């Protein structure tokens, strides 16, 4: 088996701002693996708050594949690698490779339908006036995901709601709130028609949510990496946000989705900043999810060849030229 791992930098259409960071480009690793004349592709951005970078992902992928002996399988990845961007790139590339080797799509291999879904469109953290203007400019996007933080989160939500009374609104605090702040603003967010609050508290502060009944459902993002986290999240969150960079690939993401549903959690599928190649595997799970957030390519100044089709808030399954 041959492979090629390359670092790619993709410029953003506008700066991406959340409570803990701001950026104007995103770096990803694109992995290509070749076996018997067939190729599979995967992409990973890694988990920035866990210290992963494109450079670290590439180095670890090269080291792992240089030292691996025998036929590379998805089970071998689960046995030998932790959850994270390295395993994600490898796992998704193997799924793509299997599709090419068998002549069946990944959707067929898993036994699920390839259907379009509606995705949220992200509004970066800014002043209430600028977030409202961004919401109005995204008039064809029926679902808006607002990044929250700073000193006036309610004002931002109310401004966006006034600008887009028709939109479904999700808010994402990226760990920026305290429990007292959450208790203070949640009723006002409910009044504004917010459908979901993602990761209000720091991932190490989840215990504070025990016994708290939020008027808006809460979703674990940074607090939920893999299925092993679910037991701890019970009684604290209503939904879990599945991201393939966190789970370490589609294989572990499917396990997380199955176990989360069995335990009564609602599902959300999310993404890191990346191209259509990173979003494509998430489309396998997206139809099962109440909330879908795979808008990464819409935030880029340009996308790669064979990009996913986005139209008025809907995103369509990948073509074979892209993945799967």
C-alpha atoms as a PDB file:
ATOM      1  CA  UNK A   1       0.000   0.000   0.000  1.00  0.00           C
ATOM      2  CA  UNK A   2       1.216   3.495  -0.862  1.00  0.00           C
ATOM      3  CA  UNK A   3       0.115   6.744   0.721  1.00  0.00           C
ATOM      4  CA  UNK A   4       0.528  10.476   0.437  1.00  0.00           C
ATOM      5  CA  UNK A   5      -0.336  12.917   3.247  1.00  0.00           C
ATOM      6  CA  UNK A   6      -0.282  16.574   2.295  1.00  0.00           C
ATOM      7  CA  UNK A   7      -0.923  19.736   4.316  1.00  0.00           C
ATOM      8  CA  UNK A   8      -3.338  22.091   2.576  1.00  0.00           C
ATOM      9  CA  UNK A   9      -4.247  25.660   3.495  1.00  0.00           C
ATOM     10  CA  UNK A  10      -7.674  26.950   2.536  1.00  0.00           C
ATOM     11  CA  UNK A  11      -8.596  30.645   2.821  1.00  0.00           C
ATOM     12  CA  UNK A  12     -11.922  31.579   4.403  1.00  0.00           C
ATOM     13  CA  UNK A  13     -14.499  33.844   2.815  1.00  0.00           C
ATOM     14  CA  UNK A  14     -14.632  35.955   5.996  1.00  0.00           C
ATOM     15  CA  UNK A  15     -12.834  35.582   9.355  1.00  0.00           C
ATOM     16  CA  UNK A  16     -14.142  32.763  11.527  1.00  0.00           C
ATOM     17  CA  UNK A  17     -14.556  33.949  15.114  1.00  0.00           C
ATOM     18  CA  UNK A  18     -15.626  31.967  18.175  1.00  0.00           C
ATOM     19  CA  UNK A  19     -15.201  32.576  21.889  1.00  0.00           C
ATOM     20  CA  UNK A  20     -11.677  31.170  22.039  1.00  0.00           C
ATOM     21  CA  UNK A  21     -10.093  31.911  18.659  1.00  0.00           C
ATOM     22  CA  UNK A  22     -10.233  33.700  15.322  1.00  0.00           C
ATOM     23  CA  UNK A  23      -8.802  32.644  11.957  1.00  0.00           C
ATOM     24  CA  UNK A  24      -8.781  33.636   8.296  1.00  0.00           C
ATOM     25  CA  UNK A  25      -7.550  30.313   6.881  1.00  0.00           C
ATOM     26  CA  UNK A  26      -7.817  26.675   7.842  1.00  0.00           C
ATOM     27  CA  UNK A  27      -5.148  24.006   7.495  1.00  0.00           C
ATOM     28  CA  UNK A  28      -6.091  20.386   6.838  1.00  0.00           C
ATOM     29  CA  UNK A  29      -4.338  17.166   5.960  1.00  0.00           C
ATOM     30  CA  UNK A  30      -5.478  15.375   2.823  1.00  0.00           C
ATOM     31  CA  UNK A  31      -4.578  11.694   2.849  1.00  0.00           C
ATOM     32  CA  UNK A  32      -4.518   9.481  -0.245  1.00  0.00           C
ATOM     33  CA  UNK A  33      -3.945   5.750   0.107  1.00  0.00           C
ATOM     34  CA  UNK A  34      -3.447   3.419  -2.877  1.00  0.00           C
ATOM     35  CA  UNK A  35      -3.818  -0.354  -2.959  1.00  0.00           C
ATOM     36  CA  UNK A  36      -3.801  -2.525  -6.076  1.00  0.00           C
ATOM     37  CA  UNK A  37      -4.508   0.423  -8.343  1.00  0.00           C
ATOM     38  CA  UNK A  38      -7.434   1.798  -6.306  1.00  0.00           C
ATOM     39  CA  UNK A  39      -7.271   4.981  -4.243  1.00  0.00           C
ATOM     40  CA  UNK A  40      -9.109   6.281  -1.200  1.00  0.00           C
ATOM     41  CA  UNK A  41      -9.127   9.775   0.211  1.00  0.00           C
ATOM     42  CA  UNK A  42      -9.666  11.314   3.632  1.00  0.00           C
ATOM     43  CA  UNK A  43      -9.333  14.754   5.187  1.00  0.00           C
ATOM     44  CA  UNK A  44      -8.833  15.918   8.747  1.00  0.00           C
ATOM     45  CA  UNK A  45      -8.354  19.260  10.452  1.00  0.00           C
ATOM     46  CA  UNK A  46      -7.759  17.795  13.909  1.00  0.00           C
ATOM     47  CA  UNK A  47      -8.979  19.072  17.258  1.00  0.00           C
ATOM     48  CA  UNK A  48      -7.372  22.436  17.887  1.00  0.00           C
ATOM     49  CA  UNK A  49      -8.365  22.573  21.568  1.00  0.00           C
ATOM     50  CA  UNK A  50      -6.604  19.232  22.030  1.00  0.00           C
ATOM     51  CA  UNK A  51      -3.416  20.614  20.481  1.00  0.00           C
ATOM     52  CA  UNK A  52      -3.738  18.894  17.100  1.00  0.00           C
ATOM     53  CA  UNK A  53      -2.418  20.744  14.047  1.00  0.00           C
ATOM     54  CA  UNK A  54      -2.127  19.841  10.387  1.00  0.00           C
ATOM     55  CA  UNK A  55       1.621  19.407  10.863  1.00  0.00           C
ATOM     56  CA  UNK A  56       1.202  17.077  13.834  1.00  0.00           C
ATOM     57  CA  UNK A  57      -1.432  15.035  11.968  1.00  0.00           C
ATOM     58  CA  UNK A  58       0.798  14.592   8.923  1.00  0.00           C
ATOM     59  CA  UNK A  59       3.784  13.534  11.061  1.00  0.00           C
ATOM     60  CA  UNK A  60       1.717  10.994  12.995  1.00  0.00           C
ATOM     61  CA  UNK A  61       0.105   9.587   9.854  1.00  0.00           C
ATOM     62  CA  UNK A  62       3.483   9.138   8.183  1.00  0.00           C
ATOM     63  CA  UNK A  63       4.942   7.491  11.297  1.00  0.00           C
ATOM     64  CA  UNK A  64       1.989   5.170  11.739  1.00  0.00           C
ATOM     65  CA  UNK A  65       1.887   4.006   8.131  1.00  0.00           C
ATOM     66  CA  UNK A  66       5.680   3.631   7.959  1.00  0.00           C
ATOM     67  CA  UNK A  67       5.602   1.282  10.947  1.00  0.00           C
ATOM     68  CA  UNK A  68       2.423  -0.621  10.148  1.00  0.00           C
ATOM     69  CA  UNK A  69       2.767  -4.174   8.894  1.00  0.00           C
ATOM     70  CA  UNK A  70       0.109  -6.343   7.320  1.00  0.00           C
ATOM     71  CA  UNK A  71      -3.124  -5.307   5.671  1.00  0.00           C
ATOM     72  CA  UNK A  72      -4.463  -2.019   7.012  1.00  0.00           C
ATOM     73  CA  UNK A  73      -8.036  -2.322   8.302  1.00  0.00           C
ATOM     74  CA  UNK A  74     -10.455  -0.087  10.152  1.00  0.00           C
ATOM     75  CA  UNK A  75     -10.315  -2.426  13.117  1.00  0.00           C
ATOM     76  CA  UNK A  76      -6.535  -2.062  13.227  1.00  0.00           C
ATOM     77  CA  UNK A  77      -7.006   1.703  13.438  1.00  0.00           C
ATOM     78  CA  UNK A  78      -9.409   1.332  16.358  1.00  0.00           C
ATOM     79  CA  UNK A  79      -6.991  -1.016  18.106  1.00  0.00           C
ATOM     80  CA  UNK A  80      -3.845   1.047  17.625  1.00  0.00           C
ATOM     81  CA  UNK A  81      -4.835   4.722  17.423  1.00  0.00           C
ATOM     82  CA  UNK A  82      -6.674   7.066  19.783  1.00  0.00           C
ATOM     83  CA  UNK A  83      -9.645   9.155  18.710  1.00  0.00           C
ATOM     84  CA  UNK A  84      -8.626  12.267  16.814  1.00  0.00           C
ATOM     85  CA  UNK A  85      -7.698  13.650  13.435  1.00  0.00           C
ATOM     86  CA  UNK A  86      -5.093  11.017  12.534  1.00  0.00           C
ATOM     87  CA  UNK A  87      -7.523   8.147  12.861  1.00  0.00           C
ATOM     88  CA  UNK A  88     -10.218  10.172  11.114  1.00  0.00           C
ATOM     89  CA  UNK A  89      -8.166  10.746   7.966  1.00  0.00           C
ATOM     90  CA  UNK A  90      -7.113   7.086   7.851  1.00  0.00           C
ATOM     91  CA  UNK A  91     -10.538   5.637   8.594  1.00  0.00           C
ATOM     92  CA  UNK A  92     -12.344   7.783   6.020  1.00  0.00           C
ATOM     93  CA  UNK A  93      -9.706   7.004   3.396  1.00  0.00           C
ATOM     94  CA  UNK A  94     -10.207   3.275   4.047  1.00  0.00           C
ATOM     95  CA  UNK A  95     -13.983   3.600   3.660  1.00  0.00           C
ATOM     96  CA  UNK A  96     -13.443   5.392   0.345  1.00  0.00           C
ATOM     97  CA  UNK A  97     -10.943   2.747  -0.735  1.00  0.00           C
ATOM     98  CA  UNK A  98     -13.377  -0.065   0.073  1.00  0.00           C
ATOM     99  CA  UNK A  99     -16.044   1.664  -1.995  1.00  0.00           C
ATOM    100  CA  UNK A 100     -13.664   1.822  -4.947  1.00  0.00           C
ATOM    101  CA  UNK A 101     -12.564  -1.801  -4.479  1.00  0.00           C
ATOM    102  CA  UNK A 102     -16.101  -3.198  -4.202  1.00  0.00           C
ATOM    103  CA  UNK A 103     -17.863  -0.901  -6.656  1.00  0.00           C
ATOM    104  CA  UNK A 104     -20.415  -0.056  -3.971  1.00  0.00           C
ATOM    105  CA  UNK A 105     -20.908   3.333  -2.334  1.00  0.00           C
ATOM    106  CA  UNK A 106     -20.209   3.719   1.382  1.00  0.00           C
ATOM    107  CA  UNK A 107     -23.942   4.310   1.796  1.00  0.00           C
ATOM    108  CA  UNK A 108     -24.593   0.885   0.252  1.00  0.00           C
ATOM    109  CA  UNK A 109     -21.861  -0.748   2.339  1.00  0.00           C
ATOM    110  CA  UNK A 110     -23.403   0.608   5.541  1.00  0.00           C
ATOM    111  CA  UNK A 111     -26.995   0.083   4.406  1.00  0.00           C
ATOM    112  CA  UNK A 112     -28.297   3.630   4.554  1.00  0.00           C
ATOM    113  CA  UNK A 113     -29.894   5.958   2.010  1.00  0.00           C
ATOM    114  CA  UNK A 114     -27.953   8.727   0.303  1.00  0.00           C
ATOM    115  CA  UNK A 115     -30.313  11.684   0.651  1.00  0.00           C
ATOM    116  CA  UNK A 116     -30.014  15.484   0.881  1.00  0.00           C
ATOM    117  CA  UNK A 117     -30.365  17.127   4.284  1.00  0.00           C
ATOM    118  CA  UNK A 118     -30.695  20.674   5.545  1.00  0.00           C
ATOM    119  CA  UNK A 119     -27.581  22.120   7.161  1.00  0.00           C
ATOM    120  CA  UNK A 120     -27.104  25.026   9.510  1.00  0.00           C
ATOM    121  CA  UNK A 121     -25.095  28.034   8.350  1.00  0.00           C
ATOM    122  CA  UNK A 122     -22.650  29.480  10.882  1.00  0.00           C
ATOM    123  CA  UNK A 123     -22.534  33.137  11.920  1.00  0.00           C
ATOM    124  CA  UNK A 124     -19.218  34.053  13.514  1.00  0.00           C
ATOM    125  CA  UNK A 125     -19.101  35.891  16.833  1.00  0.00           C
ATOM    126  CA  UNK A 126     -19.428  39.659  16.323  1.00  0.00           C
ATOM    127  CA  UNK A 127     -21.474  42.645  17.454  1.00  0.00           C
ATOM    128  CA  UNK A 128     -25.245  42.276  17.434  1.00  0.00           C
ATOM    129  CA  UNK A 129     -25.504  44.678  14.487  1.00  0.00           C
ATOM    130  CA  UNK A 130     -22.986  42.765  12.378  1.00  0.00           C
ATOM    131  CA  UNK A 131     -24.443  39.352  13.259  1.00  0.00           C
ATOM    132  CA  UNK A 132     -27.904  40.604  12.286  1.00  0.00           C
ATOM    133  CA  UNK A 133     -26.525  41.876   8.986  1.00  0.00           C
ATOM    134  CA  UNK A 134     -24.843  38.516   8.356  1.00  0.00           C
ATOM    135  CA  UNK A 135     -28.103  36.733   9.146  1.00  0.00           C
ATOM    136  CA  UNK A 136     -30.003  38.921   6.711  1.00  0.00           C
ATOM    137  CA  UNK A 137     -27.359  38.344   4.036  1.00  0.00           C
ATOM    138  CA  UNK A 138     -27.867  34.582   4.512  1.00  0.00           C
ATOM    139  CA  UNK A 139     -31.548  34.908   3.668  1.00  0.00           C
ATOM    140  CA  UNK A 140     -31.583  31.609   1.743  1.00  0.00           C
ATOM    141  CA  UNK A 141     -30.248  29.670   4.730  1.00  0.00           C
ATOM    142  CA  UNK A 142     -33.191  28.360   6.807  1.00  0.00           C
ATOM    143  CA  UNK A 143     -31.058  27.288   9.797  1.00  0.00           C
ATOM    144  CA  UNK A 144     -28.563  29.635  11.452  1.00  0.00           C
ATOM    145  CA  UNK A 145     -25.940  28.611  13.973  1.00  0.00           C
ATOM    146  CA  UNK A 146     -24.741  31.573  16.017  1.00  0.00           C
ATOM    147  CA  UNK A 147     -21.415  31.622  17.793  1.00  0.00           C
ATOM    148  CA  UNK A 148     -21.923  33.195  21.222  1.00  0.00           C
ATOM    149  CA  UNK A 149     -19.610  34.781  23.774  1.00  0.00           C
ATOM    150  CA  UNK A 150     -18.644  38.247  24.879  1.00  0.00           C
ATOM    151  CA  UNK A 151     -20.796  40.488  27.003  1.00  0.00           C
ATOM    152  CA  UNK A 152     -24.126  40.653  25.141  1.00  0.00           C
ATOM    153  CA  UNK A 153     -25.163  37.199  23.919  1.00  0.00           C
ATOM    154  CA  UNK A 154     -28.876  37.823  24.330  1.00  0.00           C
ATOM    155  CA  UNK A 155     -28.695  41.075  22.373  1.00  0.00           C
ATOM    156  CA  UNK A 156     -26.987  39.218  19.529  1.00  0.00           C
ATOM    157  CA  UNK A 157     -29.662  36.524  19.463  1.00  0.00           C
ATOM    158  CA  UNK A 158     -32.489  39.035  19.603  1.00  0.00           C
ATOM    159  CA  UNK A 159     -30.940  41.045  16.765  1.00  0.00           C
ATOM    160  CA  UNK A 160     -30.584  37.955  14.593  1.00  0.00           C
ATOM    161  CA  UNK A 161     -34.129  36.873  15.422  1.00  0.00           C
ATOM    162  CA  UNK A 162     -35.417  40.312  14.412  1.00  0.00           C
ATOM    163  CA  UNK A 163     -33.442  40.137  11.157  1.00  0.00           C
ATOM    164  CA  UNK A 164     -34.522  36.556  10.431  1.00  0.00           C
ATOM    165  CA  UNK A 165     -37.880  35.773  12.065  1.00  0.00           C
ATOM    166  CA  UNK A 166     -38.205  32.794   9.707  1.00  0.00           C
ATOM    167  CA  UNK A 167     -34.960  31.045  10.673  1.00  0.00           C
ATOM    168  CA  UNK A 168     -34.370  28.171  13.053  1.00  0.00           C
ATOM    169  CA  UNK A 169     -31.577  29.301  15.372  1.00  0.00           C
ATOM    170  CA  UNK A 170     -28.932  27.231  17.158  1.00  0.00           C
ATOM    171  CA  UNK A 171     -26.406  28.894  19.457  1.00  0.00           C
ATOM    172  CA  UNK A 172     -22.912  27.621  20.258  1.00  0.00           C
ATOM    173  CA  UNK A 173     -21.025  29.025  23.230  1.00  0.00           C
ATOM    174  CA  UNK A 174     -17.881  26.898  22.732  1.00  0.00           C
ATOM    175  CA  UNK A 175     -17.484  26.542  26.530  1.00  0.00           C
ATOM    176  CA  UNK A 176     -17.657  30.319  27.153  1.00  0.00           C
ATOM    177  CA  UNK A 177     -20.463  30.466  29.749  1.00  0.00           C
ATOM    178  CA  UNK A 178     -20.672  29.837  33.466  1.00  0.00           C
ATOM    179  CA  UNK A 179     -23.635  28.028  34.978  1.00  0.00           C
ATOM    180  CA  UNK A 180     -24.953  31.297  36.418  1.00  0.00           C
ATOM    181  CA  UNK A 181     -24.695  32.955  33.014  1.00  0.00           C
ATOM    182  CA  UNK A 182     -26.468  30.017  31.385  1.00  0.00           C
ATOM    183  CA  UNK A 183     -29.288  30.151  33.938  1.00  0.00           C
ATOM    184  CA  UNK A 184     -29.618  33.877  33.330  1.00  0.00           C
ATOM    185  CA  UNK A 185     -29.776  33.837  29.531  1.00  0.00           C
ATOM    186  CA  UNK A 186     -31.441  30.485  28.755  1.00  0.00           C
ATOM    187  CA  UNK A 187     -35.015  31.719  29.420  1.00  0.00           C
ATOM    188  CA  UNK A 188     -34.387  34.699  27.135  1.00  0.00           C
ATOM    189  CA  UNK A 189     -32.968  32.423  24.445  1.00  0.00           C
ATOM    190  CA  UNK A 190     -36.050  30.236  24.742  1.00  0.00           C
ATOM    191  CA  UNK A 191     -38.257  33.302  24.340  1.00  0.00           C
ATOM    192  CA  UNK A 192     -36.310  34.176  21.171  1.00  0.00           C
ATOM    193  CA  UNK A 193     -37.057  30.724  19.799  1.00  0.00           C
ATOM    194  CA  UNK A 194     -33.576  29.228  20.048  1.00  0.00           C
ATOM    195  CA  UNK A 195     -33.783  25.493  19.324  1.00  0.00           C
ATOM    196  CA  UNK A 196     -30.489  24.292  20.846  1.00  0.00           C
ATOM    197  CA  UNK A 197     -27.571  25.488  22.995  1.00  0.00           C
ATOM    198  CA  UNK A 198     -24.250  23.828  22.206  1.00  0.00           C
ATOM    199  CA  UNK A 199     -21.572  23.355  24.861  1.00  0.00           C
ATOM    200  CA  UNK A 200     -22.434  26.197  27.257  1.00  0.00           C
ATOM    201  CA  UNK A 201     -19.860  25.292  29.936  1.00  0.00           C
ATOM    202  CA  UNK A 202     -16.247  24.177  29.791  1.00  0.00           C
ATOM    203  CA  UNK A 203     -15.957  20.454  29.159  1.00  0.00           C
ATOM    204  CA  UNK A 204     -14.470  19.943  32.628  1.00  0.00           C
ATOM    205  CA  UNK A 205     -17.443  21.682  34.286  1.00  0.00           C
ATOM    206  CA  UNK A 206     -20.235  19.383  33.091  1.00  0.00           C
ATOM    207  CA  UNK A 207     -21.082  18.207  36.593  1.00  0.00           C
ATOM    208  CA  UNK A 208     -22.580  21.641  37.287  1.00  0.00           C
ATOM    209  CA  UNK A 209     -25.374  20.777  34.846  1.00  0.00           C
ATOM    210  CA  UNK A 210     -26.676  17.897  36.976  1.00  0.00           C
ATOM    211  CA  UNK A 211     -30.133  18.813  38.193  1.00  0.00           C
ATOM    212  CA  UNK A 212     -30.418  21.845  35.931  1.00  0.00           C
ATOM    213  CA  UNK A 213     -33.465  21.809  33.645  1.00  0.00           C
ATOM    214  CA  UNK A 214     -32.694  24.136  30.765  1.00  0.00           C
ATOM    215  CA  UNK A 215     -35.645  25.675  28.895  1.00  0.00           C
ATOM    216  CA  UNK A 216     -33.602  25.123  25.715  1.00  0.00           C
ATOM    217  CA  UNK A 217     -32.130  21.659  24.998  1.00  0.00           C
ATOM    218  CA  UNK A 218     -28.383  21.393  25.644  1.00  0.00           C
ATOM    219  CA  UNK A 219     -25.930  19.692  23.291  1.00  0.00           C
ATOM    220  CA  UNK A 220     -22.505  18.314  24.228  1.00  0.00           C
ATOM    221  CA  UNK A 221     -19.790  19.147  21.720  1.00  0.00           C
ATOM    222  CA  UNK A 222     -16.336  19.513  23.259  1.00  0.00           C
ATOM    223  CA  UNK A 223     -17.547  17.224  26.058  1.00  0.00           C
ATOM    224  CA  UNK A 224     -18.351  14.387  23.650  1.00  0.00           C
ATOM    225  CA  UNK A 225     -15.515  12.694  21.788  1.00  0.00           C
ATOM    226  CA  UNK A 226     -16.598   9.054  21.497  1.00  0.00           C
ATOM    227  CA  UNK A 227     -19.188   6.587  22.761  1.00  0.00           C
ATOM    228  CA  UNK A 228     -17.154   6.168  25.960  1.00  0.00           C
ATOM    229  CA  UNK A 229     -18.216   9.683  27.023  1.00  0.00           C
ATOM    230  CA  UNK A 230     -21.947   9.029  26.897  1.00  0.00           C
ATOM    231  CA  UNK A 231     -22.454   7.641  30.376  1.00  0.00           C
ATOM    232  CA  UNK A 232     -20.925  10.757  31.905  1.00  0.00           C
ATOM    233  CA  UNK A 233     -23.100  13.013  29.754  1.00  0.00           C
ATOM    234  CA  UNK A 234     -26.358  11.387  30.824  1.00  0.00           C
ATOM    235  CA  UNK A 235     -28.440  13.766  32.920  1.00  0.00           C
ATOM    236  CA  UNK A 236     -26.352  16.717  31.785  1.00  0.00           C
ATOM    237  CA  UNK A 237     -27.102  17.019  28.057  1.00  0.00           C
ATOM    238  CA  UNK A 238     -29.998  16.262  25.725  1.00  0.00           C
ATOM    239  CA  UNK A 239     -28.038  15.992  22.467  1.00  0.00           C
ATOM    240  CA  UNK A 240     -24.533  15.040  21.388  1.00  0.00           C
ATOM    241  CA  UNK A 241     -22.654  16.649  18.505  1.00  0.00           C
ATOM    242  CA  UNK A 242     -20.836  13.997  16.466  1.00  0.00           C
ATOM    243  CA  UNK A 243     -17.730  15.228  14.657  1.00  0.00           C
ATOM    244  CA  UNK A 244     -15.490  12.799  12.824  1.00  0.00           C
ATOM    245  CA  UNK A 245     -12.310  14.566  13.876  1.00  0.00           C
ATOM    246  CA  UNK A 246     -13.374  13.946  17.490  1.00  0.00           C
ATOM    247  CA  UNK A 247     -14.538  10.355  17.089  1.00  0.00           C
ATOM    248  CA  UNK A 248     -11.546   9.449  14.961  1.00  0.00           C
ATOM    249  CA  UNK A 249     -13.427   8.549  11.814  1.00  0.00           C
ATOM    250  CA  UNK A 250     -16.723   7.302  10.450  1.00  0.00           C
ATOM    251  CA  UNK A 251     -16.426   3.859  12.058  1.00  0.00           C
ATOM    252  CA  UNK A 252     -16.338   5.260  15.597  1.00  0.00           C
ATOM    253  CA  UNK A 253     -18.911   7.932  14.674  1.00  0.00           C
ATOM    254  CA  UNK A 254     -21.386   5.218  13.722  1.00  0.00           C
ATOM    255  CA  UNK A 255     -20.806   3.519  17.078  1.00  0.00           C
ATOM    256  CA  UNK A 256     -21.347   6.818  18.891  1.00  0.00           C
ATOM    257  CA  UNK A 257     -24.585   7.457  16.986  1.00  0.00           C
ATOM    258  CA  UNK A 258     -25.930   3.962  17.722  1.00  0.00           C
ATOM    259  CA  UNK A 259     -25.137   4.072  21.423  1.00  0.00           C
ATOM    260  CA  UNK A 260     -26.317   7.658  21.856  1.00  0.00           C
ATOM    261  CA  UNK A 261     -29.684   6.847  20.313  1.00  0.00           C
ATOM    262  CA  UNK A 262     -29.995   3.735  22.488  1.00  0.00           C
ATOM    263  CA  UNK A 263     -29.368   5.880  25.585  1.00  0.00           C
ATOM    264  CA  UNK A 264     -31.983   8.466  24.606  1.00  0.00           C
ATOM    265  CA  UNK A 265     -29.751  11.275  23.330  1.00  0.00           C
ATOM    266  CA  UNK A 266     -30.731  13.304  20.301  1.00  0.00           C
ATOM    267  CA  UNK A 267     -28.172  13.495  17.514  1.00  0.00           C
ATOM    268  CA  UNK A 268     -26.364  16.376  15.867  1.00  0.00           C
ATOM    269  CA  UNK A 269     -23.674  15.995  13.222  1.00  0.00           C
ATOM    270  CA  UNK A 270     -21.067  18.749  13.071  1.00  0.00           C
ATOM    271  CA  UNK A 271     -17.765  19.605  11.446  1.00  0.00           C
ATOM    272  CA  UNK A 272     -14.478  21.388  11.783  1.00  0.00           C
ATOM    273  CA  UNK A 273     -13.442  23.941   9.183  1.00  0.00           C
ATOM    274  CA  UNK A 274     -12.674  21.974   6.051  1.00  0.00           C
ATOM    275  CA  UNK A 275     -13.505  21.174   2.454  1.00  0.00           C
ATOM    276  CA  UNK A 276     -16.195  18.974   0.973  1.00  0.00           C
ATOM    277  CA  UNK A 277     -13.908  15.964   1.395  1.00  0.00           C
ATOM    278  CA  UNK A 278     -14.154  16.327   5.180  1.00  0.00           C
ATOM    279  CA  UNK A 279     -17.947  16.772   5.069  1.00  0.00           C
ATOM    280  CA  UNK A 280     -18.679  13.841   2.753  1.00  0.00           C
ATOM    281  CA  UNK A 281     -18.357  11.019   5.333  1.00  0.00           C
ATOM    282  CA  UNK A 282     -20.595  12.949   7.738  1.00  0.00           C
ATOM    283  CA  UNK A 283     -23.364  12.727   5.133  1.00  0.00           C
ATOM    284  CA  UNK A 284     -23.646   9.029   5.970  1.00  0.00           C
ATOM    285  CA  UNK A 285     -24.886   9.892   9.476  1.00  0.00           C
ATOM    286  CA  UNK A 286     -26.612  13.214   8.734  1.00  0.00           C
ATOM    287  CA  UNK A 287     -30.067  11.776   7.846  1.00  0.00           C
ATOM    288  CA  UNK A 288     -30.310  10.313  11.359  1.00  0.00           C
ATOM    289  CA  UNK A 289     -29.695  13.667  13.028  1.00  0.00           C
ATOM    290  CA  UNK A 290     -32.169  16.287  14.237  1.00  0.00           C
ATOM    291  CA  UNK A 291     -29.508  18.959  13.739  1.00  0.00           C
ATOM    292  CA  UNK A 292     -26.964  19.009  10.897  1.00  0.00           C
ATOM    293  CA  UNK A 293     -24.022  21.414  10.704  1.00  0.00           C
ATOM    294  CA  UNK A 294     -21.804  20.535   7.748  1.00  0.00           C
ATOM    295  CA  UNK A 295     -21.395  24.015   6.294  1.00  0.00           C
ATOM    296  CA  UNK A 296     -17.586  24.069   6.346  1.00  0.00           C
ATOM    297  CA  UNK A 297     -17.230  24.507   2.557  1.00  0.00           C
ATOM    298  CA  UNK A 298     -19.668  27.444   2.595  1.00  0.00           C
ATOM    299  CA  UNK A 299     -17.240  29.302   4.858  1.00  0.00           C
ATOM    300  CA  UNK A 300     -14.311  28.841   2.459  1.00  0.00           C
ATOM    301  CA  UNK A 301     -13.302  31.235  -0.306  1.00  0.00           C
ATOM    302  CA  UNK A 302     -13.150  28.173  -2.589  1.00  0.00           C
ATOM    303  CA  UNK A 303     -13.655  24.423  -2.356  1.00  0.00           C
ATOM    304  CA  UNK A 304     -11.902  21.433  -3.912  1.00  0.00           C
ATOM    305  CA  UNK A 305     -12.853  19.669  -7.153  1.00  0.00           C
ATOM    306  CA  UNK A 306     -16.007  17.502  -7.090  1.00  0.00           C
ATOM    307  CA  UNK A 307     -17.337  19.577  -4.204  1.00  0.00           C
ATOM    308  CA  UNK A 308     -20.593  18.852  -2.442  1.00  0.00           C
ATOM    309  CA  UNK A 309     -23.665  20.568  -3.855  1.00  0.00           C
ATOM    310  CA  UNK A 310     -25.248  23.155  -1.544  1.00  0.00           C
ATOM    311  CA  UNK A 311     -28.523  24.833  -2.463  1.00  0.00           C
ATOM    312  CA  UNK A 312     -30.740  27.046  -0.277  1.00  0.00           C
ATOM    313  CA  UNK A 313     -29.728  25.319   2.944  1.00  0.00           C
ATOM    314  CA  UNK A 314     -29.744  21.786   1.557  1.00  0.00           C
ATOM    315  CA  UNK A 315     -26.599  19.731   1.028  1.00  0.00           C
ATOM    316  CA  UNK A 316     -26.521  16.716  -1.247  1.00  0.00           C
ATOM    317  CA  UNK A 317     -24.634  13.397  -0.949  1.00  0.00           C
ATOM    318  CA  UNK A 318     -21.114  13.262  -2.420  1.00  0.00           C
ATOM    319  CA  UNK A 319     -20.329  12.204  -5.957  1.00  0.00           C
ATOM    320  CA  UNK A 320     -17.965   9.226  -6.406  1.00  0.00           C
ATOM    321  CA  UNK A 321     -15.335  11.642  -7.688  1.00  0.00           C
ATOM    322  CA  UNK A 322     -15.162  13.250  -4.245  1.00  0.00           C
ATOM    323  CA  UNK A 323     -15.552  10.349  -1.792  1.00  0.00           C
ATOM    324  CA  UNK A 324     -17.437   7.185  -1.080  1.00  0.00           C
END
